[in-house]
Amino acid sequence: MKMEKEEVRVKIKEIIIETLNLNIDIADIDDNAPLFGTDKEPGLFSNSLCVLEVTSALVGEFDVEPSSFNSKSFETISSLTDCIYDQIKG
C-alpha cells in the first residue's frame, strides 16, 4: 500500500499518541517540536523507553527495519516522517 507523506505523518502521530497513552489530539503535535523535551519545552518522549516502544509500533505498522532509525530520526515528527517515508515510497 503506497502512502502519501502526509498520511505517514498523521499515522506516526496516531501511533505516538496511542503507544504512549497521551491525552492530546493529533493537531496538538507540532511537526517541528523536539520529541525529547528541553528545559524550555517538554517533549513527547520522557525517556529512552518511549523510543523503543514507538519504534516497535512503527516497525509493525510500516514494515520498516529497526536499523533504519538513528538518533536524528527521532528529533522531530518531520524527521521521523522523512525517515519512514524514504523507506516505504518504493
PDB file of N, CA and C in Angstrom:
ATOM      1  N   MET A   1       0.843  -1.180   0.000  1.00  0.00           N
ATOM      2  CA  MET A   1       0.000   0.000   0.000  1.00  0.00           C
ATOM      3  C   MET A   1       0.890   1.245   0.000  1.00  0.00           C
ATOM      4  N   LYS A   2       0.732   2.070  -1.001  1.00  0.00           N
ATOM      5  CA  LYS A   2       1.519   3.300  -1.096  1.00  0.00           C
ATOM      6  C   LYS A   2       0.811   4.407  -0.327  1.00  0.00           C
ATOM      7  N   MET A   3       1.556   5.060   0.542  1.00  0.00           N
ATOM      8  CA  MET A   3       1.000   6.155   1.334  1.00  0.00           C
ATOM      9  C   MET A   3       1.662   7.458   0.922  1.00  0.00           C
ATOM     10  N   GLU A   4       0.882   8.508   0.966  1.00  0.00           N
ATOM     11  CA  GLU A   4       1.442   9.839   0.747  1.00  0.00           C
ATOM     12  C   GLU A   4       2.156  10.280   2.025  1.00  0.00           C
ATOM     13  N   LYS A   5       3.047  11.239   1.875  1.00  0.00           N
ATOM     14  CA  LYS A   5       3.848  11.679   3.023  1.00  0.00           C
ATOM     15  C   LYS A   5       2.978  12.207   4.165  1.00  0.00           C
ATOM     16  N   GLU A   6       1.926  12.939   3.836  1.00  0.00           N
ATOM     17  CA  GLU A   6       1.056  13.477   4.889  1.00  0.00           C
ATOM     18  C   GLU A   6       0.325  12.353   5.626  1.00  0.00           C
ATOM     19  N   GLU A   7      -0.044  11.294   4.916  1.00  0.00           N
ATOM     20  CA  GLU A   7      -0.681  10.142   5.563  1.00  0.00           C
ATOM     21  C   GLU A   7       0.288   9.476   6.542  1.00  0.00           C
ATOM     22  N   VAL A   8       1.547   9.388   6.141  1.00  0.00           N
ATOM     23  CA  VAL A   8       2.574   8.821   7.014  1.00  0.00           C
ATOM     24  C   VAL A   8       2.712   9.676   8.270  1.00  0.00           C
ATOM     25  N   ARG A   9       2.761  10.989   8.090  1.00  0.00           N
ATOM     26  CA  ARG A   9       2.908  11.922   9.217  1.00  0.00           C
ATOM     27  C   ARG A   9       1.753  11.752  10.215  1.00  0.00           C
ATOM     28  N   VAL A  10       0.532  11.686   9.717  1.00  0.00           N
ATOM     29  CA  VAL A  10      -0.643  11.538  10.583  1.00  0.00           C
ATOM     30  C   VAL A  10      -0.599  10.194  11.310  1.00  0.00           C
ATOM     31  N   LYS A  11      -0.235   9.140  10.591  1.00  0.00           N
ATOM     32  CA  LYS A  11      -0.174   7.808  11.200  1.00  0.00           C
ATOM     33  C   LYS A  11       0.880   7.760  12.299  1.00  0.00           C
ATOM     34  N   ILE A  12       2.029   8.400  12.072  1.00  0.00           N
ATOM     35  CA  ILE A  12       3.073   8.455  13.098  1.00  0.00           C
ATOM     36  C   ILE A  12       2.535   9.140  14.350  1.00  0.00           C
ATOM     37  N   LYS A  13       1.840  10.241  14.173  1.00  0.00           N
ATOM     38  CA  LYS A  13       1.266  10.952  15.324  1.00  0.00           C
ATOM     39  C   LYS A  13       0.263  10.070  16.061  1.00  0.00           C
ATOM     40  N   GLU A  14      -0.577   9.362  15.314  1.00  0.00           N
ATOM     41  CA  GLU A  14      -1.550   8.460  15.937  1.00  0.00           C
ATOM     42  C   GLU A  14      -0.843   7.378  16.743  1.00  0.00           C
ATOM     43  N   ILE A  15       0.213   6.819  16.168  1.00  0.00           N
ATOM     44  CA  ILE A  15       0.960   5.757  16.842  1.00  0.00           C
ATOM     45  C   ILE A  15       1.603   6.278  18.123  1.00  0.00           C
ATOM     46  N   ILE A  16       2.198   7.454  18.061  1.00  0.00           N
ATOM     47  CA  ILE A  16       2.832   8.027  19.255  1.00  0.00           C
ATOM     48  C   ILE A  16       1.796   8.270  20.347  1.00  0.00           C
ATOM     49  N   ILE A  17       0.667   8.855  19.988  1.00  0.00           N
ATOM     50  CA  ILE A  17      -0.393   9.128  20.970  1.00  0.00           C
ATOM     51  C   ILE A  17      -0.886   7.831  21.599  1.00  0.00           C
ATOM     52  N   GLU A  18      -1.141   6.826  20.763  1.00  0.00           N
ATOM     53  CA  GLU A  18      -1.666   5.554  21.259  1.00  0.00           C
ATOM     54  C   GLU A  18      -0.624   4.794  22.085  1.00  0.00           C
ATOM     55  N   THR A  19       0.588   4.699  21.569  1.00  0.00           N
ATOM     56  CA  THR A  19       1.635   3.924  22.236  1.00  0.00           C
ATOM     57  C   THR A  19       2.011   4.505  23.590  1.00  0.00           C
ATOM     58  N   LEU A  20       2.070   5.821  23.669  1.00  0.00           N
ATOM     59  CA  LEU A  20       2.493   6.478  24.906  1.00  0.00           C
ATOM     60  C   LEU A  20       1.315   6.907  25.779  1.00  0.00           C
ATOM     61  N   ASN A  21       0.100   6.526  25.359  1.00  0.00           N
ATOM     62  CA  ASN A  21      -1.115   6.864  26.116  1.00  0.00           C
ATOM     63  C   ASN A  21      -1.198   8.353  26.434  1.00  0.00           C
ATOM     64  N   LEU A  22      -0.970   9.167  25.417  1.00  0.00           N
ATOM     65  CA  LEU A  22      -1.005  10.616  25.597  1.00  0.00           C
ATOM     66  C   LEU A  22      -2.437  11.125  25.483  1.00  0.00           C
ATOM     67  N   ASN A  23      -2.774  12.084  26.277  1.00  0.00           N
ATOM     68  CA  ASN A  23      -4.114  12.656  26.264  1.00  0.00           C
ATOM     69  C   ASN A  23      -4.099  13.961  25.466  1.00  0.00           C
ATOM     70  N   ILE A  24      -3.766  13.842  24.177  1.00  0.00           N
ATOM     71  CA  ILE A  24      -3.698  15.001  23.284  1.00  0.00           C
ATOM     72  C   ILE A  24      -4.282  14.618  21.930  1.00  0.00           C
ATOM     73  N   ASP A  25      -4.544  15.617  21.112  1.00  0.00           N
ATOM     74  CA  ASP A  25      -5.032  15.396  19.757  1.00  0.00           C
ATOM     75  C   ASP A  25      -3.875  15.491  18.774  1.00  0.00           C
ATOM     76  N   ILE A  26      -4.065  14.911  17.610  1.00  0.00           N
ATOM     77  CA  ILE A  26      -3.046  14.973  16.559  1.00  0.00           C
ATOM     78  C   ILE A  26      -2.665  16.418  16.269  1.00  0.00           C
ATOM     79  N   ALA A  27      -3.647  17.296  16.248  1.00  0.00           N
ATOM     80  CA  ALA A  27      -3.393  18.710  15.933  1.00  0.00           C
ATOM     81  C   ALA A  27      -2.514  19.392  16.982  1.00  0.00           C
ATOM     82  N   ASP A  28      -2.433  18.807  18.177  1.00  0.00           N
ATOM     83  CA  ASP A  28      -1.617  19.389  19.243  1.00  0.00           C
ATOM     84  C   ASP A  28      -0.124  19.125  19.059  1.00  0.00           C
ATOM     85  N   ILE A  29       0.224  18.226  18.152  1.00  0.00           N
ATOM     86  CA  ILE A  29       1.624  17.855  17.963  1.00  0.00           C
ATOM     87  C   ILE A  29       2.233  18.687  16.843  1.00  0.00           C
ATOM     88  N   ASP A  30       3.196  19.503  17.201  1.00  0.00           N
ATOM     89  CA  ASP A  30       3.927  20.339  16.243  1.00  0.00           C
ATOM     90  C   ASP A  30       4.940  19.462  15.505  1.00  0.00           C
ATOM     91  N   ASP A  31       4.903  19.505  14.181  1.00  0.00           N
ATOM     92  CA  ASP A  31       5.789  18.671  13.368  1.00  0.00           C
ATOM     93  C   ASP A  31       7.264  18.954  13.610  1.00  0.00           C
ATOM     94  N   ASN A  32       7.588  20.152  14.053  1.00  0.00           N
ATOM     95  CA  ASN A  32       8.989  20.541  14.208  1.00  0.00           C
ATOM     96  C   ASN A  32       9.435  20.705  15.656  1.00  0.00           C
ATOM     97  N   ALA A  33       8.572  20.381  16.592  1.00  0.00           N
ATOM     98  CA  ALA A  33       8.953  20.449  18.005  1.00  0.00           C
ATOM     99  C   ALA A  33       9.822  19.238  18.346  1.00  0.00           C
ATOM    100  N   PRO A  34      10.789  19.412  19.232  1.00  0.00           N
ATOM    101  CA  PRO A  34      11.640  18.282  19.625  1.00  0.00           C
ATOM    102  C   PRO A  34      10.812  17.181  20.293  1.00  0.00           C
ATOM    103  N   LEU A  35      11.073  15.929  19.908  1.00  0.00           N
ATOM    104  CA  LEU A  35      10.366  14.819  20.539  1.00  0.00           C
ATOM    105  C   LEU A  35      10.857  14.602  21.964  1.00  0.00           C
ATOM    106  N   PHE A  36      12.143  14.879  22.191  1.00  0.00           N
ATOM    107  CA  PHE A  36      12.683  14.841  23.551  1.00  0.00           C
ATOM    108  C   PHE A  36      12.618  16.243  24.108  1.00  0.00           C
ATOM    109  N   GLY A  37      12.170  16.355  25.318  1.00  0.00           N
ATOM    110  CA  GLY A  37      11.989  17.663  25.921  1.00  0.00           C
ATOM    111  C   GLY A  37      13.287  18.391  26.219  1.00  0.00           C
ATOM    112  N   THR A  38      13.144  19.679  26.378  1.00  0.00           N
ATOM    113  CA  THR A  38      14.249  20.535  26.803  1.00  0.00           C
ATOM    114  C   THR A  38      13.812  21.228  28.090  1.00  0.00           C
ATOM    115  N   ASP A  39      14.688  22.019  28.649  1.00  0.00           N
ATOM    116  CA  ASP A  39      14.313  22.765  29.852  1.00  0.00           C
ATOM    117  C   ASP A  39      13.180  23.741  29.573  1.00  0.00           C
ATOM    118  N   LYS A  40      13.130  24.247  28.347  1.00  0.00           N
ATOM    119  CA  LYS A  40      12.126  25.251  27.990  1.00  0.00           C
ATOM    120  C   LYS A  40      10.821  24.644  27.493  1.00  0.00           C
ATOM    121  N   GLU A  41      10.909  23.466  26.901  1.00  0.00           N
ATOM    122  CA  GLU A  41       9.732  22.874  26.270  1.00  0.00           C
ATOM    123  C   GLU A  41       9.710  21.363  26.493  1.00  0.00           C
ATOM    124  N   PRO A  42       8.634  20.848  27.097  1.00  0.00           N
ATOM    125  CA  PRO A  42       8.553  19.399  27.288  1.00  0.00           C
ATOM    126  C   PRO A  42       8.335  18.694  25.947  1.00  0.00           C
ATOM    127  N   GLY A  43       8.910  17.534  25.803  1.00  0.00           N
ATOM    128  CA  GLY A  43       8.731  16.759  24.578  1.00  0.00           C
ATOM    129  C   GLY A  43       7.721  15.651  24.790  1.00  0.00           C
ATOM    130  N   LEU A  44       7.444  14.903  23.743  1.00  0.00           N
ATOM    131  CA  LEU A  44       6.513  13.784  23.836  1.00  0.00           C
ATOM    132  C   LEU A  44       7.168  12.569  24.486  1.00  0.00           C
ATOM    133  N   PHE A  45       8.493  12.441  24.300  1.00  0.00           N
ATOM    134  CA  PHE A  45       9.218  11.291  24.840  1.00  0.00           C
ATOM    135  C   PHE A  45       9.861  11.675  26.168  1.00  0.00           C
ATOM    136  N   SER A  46       9.487  10.992  27.220  1.00  0.00           N
ATOM    137  CA  SER A  46      10.046  11.311  28.532  1.00  0.00           C
ATOM    138  C   SER A  46      11.341  10.559  28.811  1.00  0.00           C
ATOM    139  N   ASN A  47      11.565   9.443  28.090  1.00  0.00           N
ATOM    140  CA  ASN A  47      12.792   8.664  28.300  1.00  0.00           C
ATOM    141  C   ASN A  47      13.052   7.760  27.095  1.00  0.00           C
ATOM    142  N   SER A  48      14.152   7.028  27.148  1.00  0.00           N
ATOM    143  CA  SER A  48      14.529   6.193  26.008  1.00  0.00           C
ATOM    144  C   SER A  48      13.589   5.002  25.824  1.00  0.00           C
ATOM    145  N   LEU A  49      12.906   4.586  26.867  1.00  0.00           N
ATOM    146  CA  LEU A  49      11.934   3.501  26.730  1.00  0.00           C
ATOM    147  C   LEU A  49      10.818   3.906  25.764  1.00  0.00           C
ATOM    148  N   CYS A  50      10.453   5.169  25.768  1.00  0.00           N
ATOM    149  CA  CYS A  50       9.445   5.673  24.832  1.00  0.00           C
ATOM    150  C   CYS A  50       9.891   5.443  23.390  1.00  0.00           C
ATOM    151  N   VAL A  51      11.171   5.670  23.130  1.00  0.00           N
ATOM    152  CA  VAL A  51      11.703   5.462  21.777  1.00  0.00           C
ATOM    153  C   VAL A  51      11.565   3.998  21.383  1.00  0.00           C
ATOM    154  N   LEU A  52      11.896   3.098  22.285  1.00  0.00           N
ATOM    155  CA  LEU A  52      11.788   1.669  21.984  1.00  0.00           C
ATOM    156  C   LEU A  52      10.348   1.264  21.708  1.00  0.00           C
ATOM    157  N   GLU A  53       9.432   1.743  22.520  1.00  0.00           N
ATOM    158  CA  GLU A  53       8.019   1.402  22.339  1.00  0.00           C
ATOM    159  C   GLU A  53       7.485   1.946  21.019  1.00  0.00           C
ATOM    160  N   VAL A  54       7.812   3.190  20.723  1.00  0.00           N
ATOM    161  CA  VAL A  54       7.337   3.803  19.480  1.00  0.00           C
ATOM    162  C   VAL A  54       8.006   3.147  18.273  1.00  0.00           C
ATOM    163  N   THR A  55       9.297   2.856  18.370  1.00  0.00           N
ATOM    164  CA  THR A  55       9.996   2.187  17.267  1.00  0.00           C
ATOM    165  C   THR A  55       9.342   0.854  16.955  1.00  0.00           C
ATOM    166  N   SER A  56       9.046   0.085  17.978  1.00  0.00           N
ATOM    167  CA  SER A  56       8.398  -1.211  17.787  1.00  0.00           C
ATOM    168  C   SER A  56       7.060  -1.054  17.070  1.00  0.00           C
ATOM    169  N   ALA A  57       6.277  -0.079  17.473  1.00  0.00           N
ATOM    170  CA  ALA A  57       4.976   0.163  16.839  1.00  0.00           C
ATOM    171  C   ALA A  57       5.144   0.626  15.388  1.00  0.00           C
ATOM    172  N   LEU A  58       6.128   1.480  15.131  1.00  0.00           N
ATOM    173  CA  LEU A  58       6.365   1.975  13.766  1.00  0.00           C
ATOM    174  C   LEU A  58       6.834   0.852  12.851  1.00  0.00           C
ATOM    175  N   VAL A  59       7.717  -0.004  13.353  1.00  0.00           N
ATOM    176  CA  VAL A  59       8.209  -1.142  12.574  1.00  0.00           C
ATOM    177  C   VAL A  59       7.041  -2.043  12.196  1.00  0.00           C
ATOM    178  N   GLY A  60       6.150  -2.297  13.149  1.00  0.00           N
ATOM    179  CA  GLY A  60       4.986  -3.131  12.879  1.00  0.00           C
ATOM    180  C   GLY A  60       4.022  -2.506  11.885  1.00  0.00           C
ATOM    181  N   GLU A  61       3.808  -1.217  11.998  1.00  0.00           N
ATOM    182  CA  GLU A  61       2.853  -0.519  11.131  1.00  0.00           C
ATOM    183  C   GLU A  61       3.369  -0.339   9.710  1.00  0.00           C
ATOM    184  N   PHE A  62       4.615   0.083   9.577  1.00  0.00           N
ATOM    185  CA  PHE A  62       5.137   0.455   8.262  1.00  0.00           C
ATOM    186  C   PHE A  62       6.039  -0.607   7.635  1.00  0.00           C
ATOM    187  N   ASP A  63       6.286  -1.703   8.353  1.00  0.00           N
ATOM    188  CA  ASP A  63       7.139  -2.782   7.848  1.00  0.00           C
ATOM    189  C   ASP A  63       8.509  -2.254   7.417  1.00  0.00           C
ATOM    190  N   VAL A  64       9.131  -1.494   8.304  1.00  0.00           N
ATOM    191  CA  VAL A  64      10.475  -0.964   8.069  1.00  0.00           C
ATOM    192  C   VAL A  64      11.445  -1.650   9.031  1.00  0.00           C
ATOM    193  N   GLU A  65      12.712  -1.570   8.717  1.00  0.00           N
ATOM    194  CA  GLU A  65      13.738  -2.185   9.552  1.00  0.00           C
ATOM    195  C   GLU A  65      14.083  -1.277  10.739  1.00  0.00           C
ATOM    196  N   PRO A  66      14.175  -1.833  11.936  1.00  0.00           N
ATOM    197  CA  PRO A  66      14.570  -1.019  13.090  1.00  0.00           C
ATOM    198  C   PRO A  66      15.926  -0.342  12.887  1.00  0.00           C
ATOM    199  N   SER A  67      16.812  -0.993  12.152  1.00  0.00           N
ATOM    200  CA  SER A  67      18.152  -0.438  11.930  1.00  0.00           C
ATOM    201  C   SER A  67      18.135   0.815  11.056  1.00  0.00           C
ATOM    202  N   SER A  68      17.005   1.097  10.429  1.00  0.00           N
ATOM    203  CA  SER A  68      16.919   2.280   9.568  1.00  0.00           C
ATOM    204  C   SER A  68      16.772   3.569  10.375  1.00  0.00           C
ATOM    205  N   PHE A  69      16.466   3.437  11.658  1.00  0.00           N
ATOM    206  CA  PHE A  69      16.332   4.609  12.518  1.00  0.00           C
ATOM    207  C   PHE A  69      17.679   4.950  13.147  1.00  0.00           C
ATOM    208  N   ASN A  70      17.920   6.234  13.332  1.00  0.00           N
ATOM    209  CA  ASN A  70      19.106   6.673  14.063  1.00  0.00           C
ATOM    210  C   ASN A  70      18.699   7.823  14.982  1.00  0.00           C
ATOM    211  N   SER A  71      19.639   8.390  15.675  1.00  0.00           N
ATOM    212  CA  SER A  71      19.295   9.440  16.643  1.00  0.00           C
ATOM    213  C   SER A  71      18.648  10.646  15.971  1.00  0.00           C
ATOM    214  N   LYS A  72      19.033  10.943  14.745  1.00  0.00           N
ATOM    215  CA  LYS A  72      18.441  12.073  14.016  1.00  0.00           C
ATOM    216  C   LYS A  72      16.983  11.789  13.646  1.00  0.00           C
ATOM    217  N   SER A  73      16.640  10.524  13.456  1.00  0.00           N
ATOM    218  CA  SER A  73      15.272  10.156  13.075  1.00  0.00           C
ATOM    219  C   SER A  73      14.257  10.623  14.107  1.00  0.00           C
ATOM    220  N   PHE A  74      14.654  10.613  15.359  1.00  0.00           N
ATOM    221  CA  PHE A  74      13.731  10.914  16.447  1.00  0.00           C
ATOM    222  C   PHE A  74      13.854  12.336  16.976  1.00  0.00           C
ATOM    223  N   GLU A  75      14.370  13.248  16.169  1.00  0.00           N
ATOM    224  CA  GLU A  75      14.461  14.642  16.609  1.00  0.00           C
ATOM    225  C   GLU A  75      13.090  15.307  16.620  1.00  0.00           C
ATOM    226  N   THR A  76      12.330  15.137  15.538  1.00  0.00           N
ATOM    227  CA  THR A  76      11.010  15.763  15.396  1.00  0.00           C
ATOM    228  C   THR A  76      10.079  14.819  14.644  1.00  0.00           C
ATOM    229  N   ILE A  77       8.805  15.165  14.591  1.00  0.00           N
ATOM    230  CA  ILE A  77       7.862  14.402  13.766  1.00  0.00           C
ATOM    231  C   ILE A  77       8.292  14.477  12.300  1.00  0.00           C
ATOM    232  N   SER A  78       8.743  15.635  11.874  1.00  0.00           N
ATOM    233  CA  SER A  78       9.174  15.798  10.478  1.00  0.00           C
ATOM    234  C   SER A  78      10.338  14.876  10.135  1.00  0.00           C
ATOM    235  N   SER A  79      11.331  14.796  11.010  1.00  0.00           N
ATOM    236  CA  SER A  79      12.482  13.933  10.721  1.00  0.00           C
ATOM    237  C   SER A  79      12.081  12.461  10.746  1.00  0.00           C
ATOM    238  N   LEU A  80      11.174  12.097  11.629  1.00  0.00           N
ATOM    239  CA  LEU A  80      10.689  10.722  11.696  1.00  0.00           C
ATOM    240  C   LEU A  80       9.873  10.384  10.449  1.00  0.00           C
ATOM    241  N   THR A  81       9.056  11.321  10.010  1.00  0.00           N
ATOM    242  CA  THR A  81       8.276  11.132   8.785  1.00  0.00           C
ATOM    243  C   THR A  81       9.200  10.946   7.589  1.00  0.00           C
ATOM    244  N   ASP A  82      10.211  11.790   7.472  1.00  0.00           N
ATOM    245  CA  ASP A  82      11.162  11.674   6.356  1.00  0.00           C
ATOM    246  C   ASP A  82      11.844  10.314   6.358  1.00  0.00           C
ATOM    247  N   CYS A  83      12.283   9.867   7.514  1.00  0.00           N
ATOM    248  CA  CYS A  83      12.970   8.585   7.641  1.00  0.00           C
ATOM    249  C   CYS A  83      12.086   7.434   7.159  1.00  0.00           C
ATOM    250  N   ILE A  84      10.857   7.397   7.623  1.00  0.00           N
ATOM    251  CA  ILE A  84       9.947   6.308   7.255  1.00  0.00           C
ATOM    252  C   ILE A  84       9.509   6.433   5.804  1.00  0.00           C
ATOM    253  N   TYR A  85       9.147   7.622   5.387  1.00  0.00           N
ATOM    254  CA  TYR A  85       8.666   7.815   4.018  1.00  0.00           C
ATOM    255  C   TYR A  85       9.736   7.425   2.998  1.00  0.00           C
ATOM    256  N   ASP A  86      10.981   7.763   3.271  1.00  0.00           N
ATOM    257  CA  ASP A  86      12.069   7.401   2.358  1.00  0.00           C
ATOM    258  C   ASP A  86      12.175   5.893   2.182  1.00  0.00           C
ATOM    259  N   GLN A  87      11.805   5.138   3.197  1.00  0.00           N
ATOM    260  CA  GLN A  87      11.883   3.676   3.118  1.00  0.00           C
ATOM    261  C   GLN A  87      10.686   3.047   2.416  1.00  0.00           C
ATOM    262  N   ILE A  88       9.524   3.646   2.564  1.00  0.00           N
ATOM    263  CA  ILE A  88       8.318   2.988   2.040  1.00  0.00           C
ATOM    264  C   ILE A  88       7.870   3.508   0.680  1.00  0.00           C
ATOM    265  N   LYS A  89       8.452   4.608   0.221  1.00  0.00           N
ATOM    266  CA  LYS A  89       7.946   5.204  -1.019  1.00  0.00           C
ATOM    267  C   LYS A  89       8.233   4.354  -2.249  1.00  0.00           C
ATOM    268  N   GLY A  90       9.171   3.431  -2.119  1.00  0.00           N
ATOM    269  CA  GLY A  90       9.452   2.482  -3.184  1.00  0.00           C
ATOM    270  C   GLY A  90      10.011   3.059  -4.369  1.00  0.00           C
TER     271      GLY A  90
END
